[in-house]
Amino acid sequence: MMAMLWAQEIMCGNKTYAQVPKLLKEPVKTVLINSGCEELIVE
């Protein structure tokens, strides 16, 4: 659930992938890829 929230914030431009906490990076990455937004995965 937190991964989905972070992914939505990244997709809306409010947060960046680099701001995601370490423990959530992989689940957020998966959500972004599944949503077709892999270009937003930038460290």
N, C-alpha and C. Protein backbone atom coordinates (compact mmCIF):
# COMPACT_ATOMS: atom_id res chain seq x y z
N MET A 1 0.82 -1.19 0.00
CA MET A 1 0.00 0.00 0.00
C MET A 1 0.87 1.26 0.00
N MET A 2 1.90 1.28 0.81
CA MET A 2 2.80 2.44 0.84
C MET A 2 3.52 2.57 -0.50
N ALA A 3 3.85 1.45 -1.12
CA ALA A 3 4.52 1.49 -2.42
C ALA A 3 3.62 2.15 -3.45
N MET A 4 2.34 1.84 -3.41
CA MET A 4 1.39 2.44 -4.35
C MET A 4 1.28 3.94 -4.11
N LEU A 5 1.25 4.35 -2.87
CA LEU A 5 1.17 5.78 -2.53
C LEU A 5 2.41 6.52 -3.04
N TRP A 6 3.57 5.96 -2.79
CA TRP A 6 4.80 6.58 -3.28
C TRP A 6 4.82 6.65 -4.79
N ALA A 7 4.40 5.57 -5.44
CA ALA A 7 4.38 5.55 -6.90
C ALA A 7 3.45 6.62 -7.45
N GLN A 8 2.29 6.81 -6.82
CA GLN A 8 1.35 7.84 -7.27
C GLN A 8 1.96 9.23 -7.10
N GLU A 9 2.64 9.45 -6.00
CA GLU A 9 3.29 10.75 -5.76
C GLU A 9 4.37 11.01 -6.81
N ILE A 10 5.10 9.97 -7.19
CA ILE A 10 6.14 10.11 -8.22
C ILE A 10 5.49 10.40 -9.57
N MET A 11 4.42 9.68 -9.89
CA MET A 11 3.74 9.89 -11.18
C MET A 11 3.13 11.28 -11.28
N CYS A 12 2.70 11.83 -10.15
CA CYS A 12 2.12 13.18 -10.15
C CYS A 12 3.19 14.27 -10.13
N GLY A 13 4.44 13.88 -9.92
CA GLY A 13 5.53 14.85 -9.91
C GLY A 13 5.78 15.49 -8.56
N ASN A 14 5.14 14.97 -7.52
CA ASN A 14 5.33 15.53 -6.17
C ASN A 14 6.57 14.99 -5.47
N LYS A 15 7.01 13.81 -5.85
CA LYS A 15 8.19 13.16 -5.26
C LYS A 15 9.03 12.58 -6.39
N THR A 16 10.25 12.20 -6.06
CA THR A 16 11.11 11.52 -7.03
C THR A 16 11.46 10.13 -6.49
N TYR A 17 11.88 9.26 -7.40
CA TYR A 17 12.26 7.91 -6.99
C TYR A 17 13.42 7.95 -5.99
N ALA A 18 14.31 8.92 -6.12
CA ALA A 18 15.45 9.05 -5.22
C ALA A 18 15.02 9.34 -3.78
N GLN A 19 13.82 9.89 -3.59
CA GLN A 19 13.32 10.21 -2.26
C GLN A 19 12.68 9.02 -1.55
N VAL A 20 12.44 7.94 -2.26
CA VAL A 20 11.78 6.77 -1.70
C VAL A 20 12.69 6.11 -0.66
N PRO A 21 12.14 5.76 0.51
CA PRO A 21 12.95 5.05 1.52
C PRO A 21 13.49 3.72 0.97
N LYS A 22 14.67 3.34 1.42
CA LYS A 22 15.35 2.14 0.92
C LYS A 22 14.46 0.90 0.92
N LEU A 23 13.71 0.70 1.99
CA LEU A 23 12.89 -0.51 2.11
C LEU A 23 11.76 -0.56 1.08
N LEU A 24 11.39 0.57 0.54
CA LEU A 24 10.27 0.62 -0.40
C LEU A 24 10.70 0.73 -1.86
N LYS A 25 11.98 0.89 -2.12
CA LYS A 25 12.45 1.12 -3.48
C LYS A 25 12.04 0.01 -4.45
N GLU A 26 12.22 -1.24 -4.10
CA GLU A 26 11.88 -2.34 -5.00
C GLU A 26 10.37 -2.43 -5.26
N PRO A 27 9.53 -2.37 -4.20
CA PRO A 27 8.08 -2.41 -4.48
C PRO A 27 7.61 -1.21 -5.29
N VAL A 28 8.15 -0.03 -5.04
CA VAL A 28 7.77 1.16 -5.80
C VAL A 28 8.22 1.00 -7.25
N LYS A 29 9.40 0.48 -7.45
CA LYS A 29 9.92 0.23 -8.80
C LYS A 29 8.98 -0.70 -9.55
N THR A 30 8.53 -1.74 -8.91
CA THR A 30 7.60 -2.69 -9.52
C THR A 30 6.30 -2.02 -9.92
N VAL A 31 5.75 -1.20 -9.03
CA VAL A 31 4.50 -0.49 -9.33
C VAL A 31 4.69 0.44 -10.52
N LEU A 32 5.79 1.18 -10.53
CA LEU A 32 6.05 2.10 -11.64
C LEU A 32 6.19 1.36 -12.97
N ILE A 33 6.89 0.25 -12.96
CA ILE A 33 7.07 -0.55 -14.18
C ILE A 33 5.72 -1.09 -14.65
N ASN A 34 4.94 -1.63 -13.73
CA ASN A 34 3.63 -2.18 -14.08
C ASN A 34 2.68 -1.11 -14.58
N SER A 35 2.91 0.14 -14.19
CA SER A 35 2.08 1.25 -14.61
C SER A 35 2.58 1.90 -15.90
N GLY A 36 3.68 1.40 -16.43
CA GLY A 36 4.23 1.94 -17.67
C GLY A 36 4.98 3.23 -17.48
N CYS A 37 5.48 3.45 -16.27
CA CYS A 37 6.20 4.70 -15.96
C CYS A 37 7.64 4.44 -15.58
N GLU A 38 8.28 3.47 -16.23
CA GLU A 38 9.66 3.13 -15.86
C GLU A 38 10.63 4.26 -16.08
N GLU A 39 10.27 5.24 -16.93
CA GLU A 39 11.16 6.38 -17.15
C GLU A 39 11.30 7.26 -15.91
N LEU A 40 10.42 7.09 -14.93
CA LEU A 40 10.49 7.87 -13.70
C LEU A 40 11.44 7.27 -12.67
N ILE A 41 11.98 6.09 -12.96
CA ILE A 41 12.90 5.41 -12.04
C ILE A 41 14.30 5.95 -12.28
N VAL A 42 14.64 7.01 -11.58
CA VAL A 42 15.95 7.65 -11.71
C VAL A 42 16.50 7.86 -10.31
N GLU A 43 17.68 7.34 -10.07
CA GLU A 43 18.30 7.48 -8.74
C GLU A 43 18.74 8.89 -8.46
